[in-house]
Amino acid sequence: CVMGNHEYAIIRWYNVYKNKIIPLPYGLKFKSEHEKIAQNLTDVQINYLKNLPHMINIPKYNIIIVHAGVNPSKNLFENNSFDVMHIR
């Protein structure tokens, strides 16, 4: 399993509630599905999400696993977490 944009949004919502962050960080919307999920997660569950890798490399099979895609204008391993979670 790799980190994707939805897992990232849930983590951000969890941090909003846990740390009482005000104002609401850019991109988060009240009453979203991510907000509802984040409110019901345990610390163990959120730690699982926080520790998901952004990229898995399996050289034996010449496979790279990401959530969304990679930026073709960058070297494969120079793609950052935003790229591999959001690029199309």
N, C-alpha and C. Protein backbone atom coordinates (compact mmCIF):
# COMPACT_ATOMS: atom_id res chain seq x y z
N CYS A 1 0.84 -1.18 0.00
CA CYS A 1 0.00 0.00 0.00
C CYS A 1 0.89 1.24 0.00
N VAL A 2 0.55 2.23 -0.79
CA VAL A 2 1.29 3.49 -0.85
C VAL A 2 0.39 4.65 -0.44
N MET A 3 1.03 5.74 -0.04
CA MET A 3 0.29 6.95 0.35
C MET A 3 -0.29 7.60 -0.90
N GLY A 4 -1.56 7.95 -0.81
CA GLY A 4 -2.22 8.66 -1.89
C GLY A 4 -2.81 9.96 -1.39
N ASN A 5 -3.42 10.71 -2.28
CA ASN A 5 -3.96 12.01 -1.92
C ASN A 5 -5.09 11.91 -0.89
N HIS A 6 -5.84 10.83 -0.90
CA HIS A 6 -6.93 10.70 0.08
C HIS A 6 -6.38 10.39 1.47
N GLU A 7 -5.39 9.53 1.55
CA GLU A 7 -4.76 9.23 2.84
C GLU A 7 -4.13 10.51 3.40
N TYR A 8 -3.49 11.27 2.52
CA TYR A 8 -2.85 12.52 2.94
C TYR A 8 -3.89 13.51 3.48
N ALA A 9 -5.04 13.62 2.84
CA ALA A 9 -6.10 14.51 3.31
C ALA A 9 -6.62 14.06 4.68
N ILE A 10 -6.75 12.77 4.88
CA ILE A 10 -7.21 12.25 6.18
C ILE A 10 -6.19 12.58 7.26
N ILE A 11 -4.92 12.43 6.97
CA ILE A 11 -3.87 12.77 7.93
C ILE A 11 -3.93 14.26 8.28
N ARG A 12 -4.11 15.09 7.27
CA ARG A 12 -4.20 16.54 7.51
C ARG A 12 -5.39 16.87 8.40
N TRP A 13 -6.54 16.24 8.15
CA TRP A 13 -7.72 16.48 8.99
C TRP A 13 -7.47 16.00 10.41
N TYR A 14 -6.87 14.86 10.55
CA TYR A 14 -6.56 14.32 11.87
C TYR A 14 -5.70 15.32 12.65
N ASN A 15 -4.69 15.88 11.97
CA ASN A 15 -3.83 16.86 12.62
C ASN A 15 -4.58 18.12 13.01
N VAL A 16 -5.55 18.53 12.21
CA VAL A 16 -6.37 19.70 12.53
C VAL A 16 -7.08 19.48 13.87
N TYR A 17 -7.71 18.32 14.03
CA TYR A 17 -8.45 18.04 15.26
C TYR A 17 -7.53 17.76 16.44
N LYS A 18 -6.47 17.03 16.22
CA LYS A 18 -5.55 16.66 17.30
C LYS A 18 -4.82 17.89 17.85
N ASN A 19 -4.43 18.80 16.94
CA ASN A 19 -3.62 19.95 17.33
C ASN A 19 -4.40 21.26 17.36
N LYS A 20 -5.71 21.16 17.15
CA LYS A 20 -6.60 22.34 17.16
C LYS A 20 -6.05 23.45 16.26
N ILE A 21 -5.79 23.09 15.00
CA ILE A 21 -5.22 24.03 14.03
C ILE A 21 -6.31 24.95 13.49
N ILE A 22 -6.05 26.25 13.64
CA ILE A 22 -6.95 27.27 13.12
C ILE A 22 -6.07 28.36 12.50
N PRO A 23 -6.34 28.90 11.35
CA PRO A 23 -7.44 28.58 10.45
C PRO A 23 -7.19 27.24 9.73
N LEU A 24 -8.23 26.81 9.08
CA LEU A 24 -8.18 25.53 8.37
C LEU A 24 -7.12 25.58 7.26
N PRO A 25 -6.22 24.60 7.20
CA PRO A 25 -5.18 24.58 6.16
C PRO A 25 -5.78 24.57 4.75
N TYR A 26 -5.01 25.11 3.82
CA TYR A 26 -5.41 25.20 2.42
C TYR A 26 -5.82 23.83 1.88
N GLY A 27 -6.94 23.81 1.16
CA GLY A 27 -7.38 22.60 0.47
C GLY A 27 -8.34 21.72 1.25
N LEU A 28 -8.46 21.95 2.56
CA LEU A 28 -9.39 21.14 3.36
C LEU A 28 -10.75 21.81 3.39
N LYS A 29 -11.79 21.00 3.29
CA LYS A 29 -13.16 21.52 3.28
C LYS A 29 -13.98 20.86 4.38
N PHE A 30 -14.71 21.68 5.12
CA PHE A 30 -15.57 21.14 6.16
C PHE A 30 -16.62 20.21 5.56
N LYS A 31 -17.01 19.21 6.33
CA LYS A 31 -18.03 18.23 5.98
C LYS A 31 -17.61 17.31 4.83
N SER A 32 -16.31 17.16 4.64
CA SER A 32 -15.83 16.25 3.60
C SER A 32 -15.78 14.83 4.15
N GLU A 33 -15.71 13.86 3.27
CA GLU A 33 -15.57 12.47 3.70
C GLU A 33 -14.27 12.26 4.47
N HIS A 34 -13.24 13.00 4.09
CA HIS A 34 -11.95 12.88 4.78
C HIS A 34 -12.04 13.35 6.23
N GLU A 35 -12.78 14.42 6.45
CA GLU A 35 -12.96 14.94 7.80
C GLU A 35 -13.68 13.90 8.67
N LYS A 36 -14.72 13.30 8.14
CA LYS A 36 -15.48 12.30 8.90
C LYS A 36 -14.63 11.09 9.26
N ILE A 37 -13.84 10.63 8.30
CA ILE A 37 -12.98 9.47 8.55
C ILE A 37 -11.94 9.82 9.61
N ALA A 38 -11.31 10.98 9.47
CA ALA A 38 -10.25 11.40 10.40
C ALA A 38 -10.75 11.49 11.84
N GLN A 39 -11.98 11.90 12.01
CA GLN A 39 -12.55 12.04 13.36
C GLN A 39 -12.73 10.69 14.05
N ASN A 40 -12.78 9.63 13.29
CA ASN A 40 -13.04 8.30 13.86
C ASN A 40 -11.82 7.38 13.90
N LEU A 41 -10.66 7.87 13.51
CA LEU A 41 -9.47 7.03 13.50
C LEU A 41 -8.80 6.98 14.87
N THR A 42 -8.23 5.85 15.18
CA THR A 42 -7.43 5.72 16.40
C THR A 42 -6.01 6.18 16.09
N ASP A 43 -5.20 6.37 17.13
CA ASP A 43 -3.80 6.74 16.93
C ASP A 43 -3.06 5.65 16.15
N VAL A 44 -3.38 4.40 16.41
CA VAL A 44 -2.74 3.29 15.69
C VAL A 44 -3.06 3.37 14.20
N GLN A 45 -4.30 3.64 13.88
CA GLN A 45 -4.71 3.71 12.48
C GLN A 45 -4.05 4.89 11.77
N ILE A 46 -4.02 6.04 12.44
CA ILE A 46 -3.40 7.21 11.79
C ILE A 46 -1.90 7.01 11.63
N ASN A 47 -1.27 6.35 12.59
CA ASN A 47 0.16 6.07 12.46
C ASN A 47 0.44 5.14 11.30
N TYR A 48 -0.47 4.20 11.05
CA TYR A 48 -0.33 3.32 9.88
C TYR A 48 -0.33 4.18 8.61
N LEU A 49 -1.31 5.09 8.50
CA LEU A 49 -1.38 5.94 7.31
C LEU A 49 -0.15 6.82 7.19
N LYS A 50 0.29 7.40 8.31
CA LYS A 50 1.45 8.30 8.28
C LYS A 50 2.72 7.58 7.83
N ASN A 51 2.80 6.30 8.04
CA ASN A 51 4.00 5.55 7.72
C ASN A 51 3.96 4.85 6.36
N LEU A 52 2.91 5.08 5.58
CA LEU A 52 2.86 4.51 4.24
C LEU A 52 3.94 5.14 3.38
N PRO A 53 4.62 4.36 2.56
CA PRO A 53 5.61 4.94 1.66
C PRO A 53 4.92 5.66 0.51
N HIS A 54 5.61 6.62 -0.09
CA HIS A 54 5.08 7.31 -1.26
C HIS A 54 5.40 6.55 -2.54
N MET A 55 6.43 5.73 -2.47
CA MET A 55 6.86 4.99 -3.64
C MET A 55 7.45 3.65 -3.18
N ILE A 56 7.13 2.59 -3.90
CA ILE A 56 7.72 1.28 -3.63
C ILE A 56 8.46 0.86 -4.88
N ASN A 57 9.73 0.53 -4.70
CA ASN A 57 10.57 0.09 -5.82
C ASN A 57 10.83 -1.41 -5.67
N ILE A 58 10.50 -2.17 -6.71
CA ILE A 58 10.75 -3.61 -6.72
C ILE A 58 11.67 -3.90 -7.90
N PRO A 59 12.99 -3.74 -7.69
CA PRO A 59 13.95 -3.90 -8.80
C PRO A 59 13.91 -5.28 -9.46
N LYS A 60 13.65 -6.31 -8.68
CA LYS A 60 13.63 -7.66 -9.23
C LYS A 60 12.68 -7.77 -10.43
N TYR A 61 11.57 -7.04 -10.36
CA TYR A 61 10.57 -7.09 -11.44
C TYR A 61 10.54 -5.79 -12.26
N ASN A 62 11.50 -4.90 -11.98
CA ASN A 62 11.55 -3.62 -12.68
C ASN A 62 10.23 -2.86 -12.56
N ILE A 63 9.71 -2.80 -11.31
CA ILE A 63 8.42 -2.17 -11.03
C ILE A 63 8.59 -1.07 -9.99
N ILE A 64 7.89 0.03 -10.22
CA ILE A 64 7.79 1.11 -9.25
C ILE A 64 6.30 1.32 -9.02
N ILE A 65 5.90 1.36 -7.77
CA ILE A 65 4.48 1.53 -7.43
C ILE A 65 4.29 2.90 -6.80
N VAL A 66 3.36 3.68 -7.36
CA VAL A 66 2.98 4.98 -6.81
C VAL A 66 1.46 5.08 -6.89
N HIS A 67 0.92 6.08 -6.23
CA HIS A 67 -0.54 6.23 -6.23
C HIS A 67 -1.05 6.80 -7.55
N ALA A 68 -0.48 7.93 -7.98
CA ALA A 68 -1.05 8.62 -9.13
C ALA A 68 -0.19 8.48 -10.38
N GLY A 69 1.04 8.85 -10.30
CA GLY A 69 1.92 8.81 -11.46
C GLY A 69 3.25 9.45 -11.12
N VAL A 70 4.05 9.65 -12.14
CA VAL A 70 5.34 10.31 -11.96
C VAL A 70 5.46 11.45 -12.96
N ASN A 71 6.25 12.43 -12.59
CA ASN A 71 6.49 13.57 -13.46
C ASN A 71 7.55 13.16 -14.48
N PRO A 72 7.20 13.06 -15.76
CA PRO A 72 8.14 12.58 -16.76
C PRO A 72 9.29 13.56 -17.03
N SER A 73 9.15 14.81 -16.58
CA SER A 73 10.22 15.78 -16.81
C SER A 73 11.32 15.68 -15.74
N LYS A 74 11.12 14.81 -14.75
CA LYS A 74 12.11 14.62 -13.69
C LYS A 74 12.67 13.20 -13.77
N ASN A 75 13.87 13.05 -13.24
CA ASN A 75 14.42 11.72 -13.04
C ASN A 75 13.45 10.97 -12.14
N LEU A 76 13.25 9.70 -12.38
CA LEU A 76 12.25 8.92 -11.64
C LEU A 76 12.35 9.12 -10.13
N PHE A 77 13.54 9.02 -9.59
CA PHE A 77 13.69 9.09 -8.14
C PHE A 77 13.83 10.52 -7.62
N GLU A 78 13.67 11.50 -8.49
CA GLU A 78 13.62 12.90 -8.06
C GLU A 78 12.18 13.38 -7.91
N ASN A 79 11.21 12.54 -8.23
CA ASN A 79 9.81 12.89 -8.02
C ASN A 79 9.58 13.03 -6.52
N ASN A 80 8.85 14.08 -6.13
CA ASN A 80 8.58 14.28 -4.71
C ASN A 80 7.23 13.67 -4.33
N SER A 81 6.91 13.73 -3.06
CA SER A 81 5.68 13.10 -2.58
C SER A 81 4.44 13.71 -3.23
N PHE A 82 4.43 15.03 -3.47
CA PHE A 82 3.28 15.65 -4.13
C PHE A 82 3.11 15.08 -5.53
N ASP A 83 4.20 14.96 -6.26
CA ASP A 83 4.12 14.42 -7.63
C ASP A 83 3.44 13.05 -7.62
N VAL A 84 3.97 12.12 -6.84
CA VAL A 84 3.48 10.75 -6.93
C VAL A 84 2.10 10.55 -6.31
N MET A 85 1.62 11.53 -5.52
CA MET A 85 0.28 11.43 -4.96
C MET A 85 -0.77 12.13 -5.82
N HIS A 86 -0.36 13.10 -6.66
CA HIS A 86 -1.34 13.93 -7.35
C HIS A 86 -1.23 13.99 -8.87
N ILE A 87 -0.06 13.75 -9.42
CA ILE A 87 0.14 13.97 -10.87
C ILE A 87 -0.72 13.00 -11.67
N ARG A 88 -1.14 13.46 -12.83
CA ARG A 88 -1.95 12.61 -13.72
C ARG A 88 -1.33 12.52 -15.08
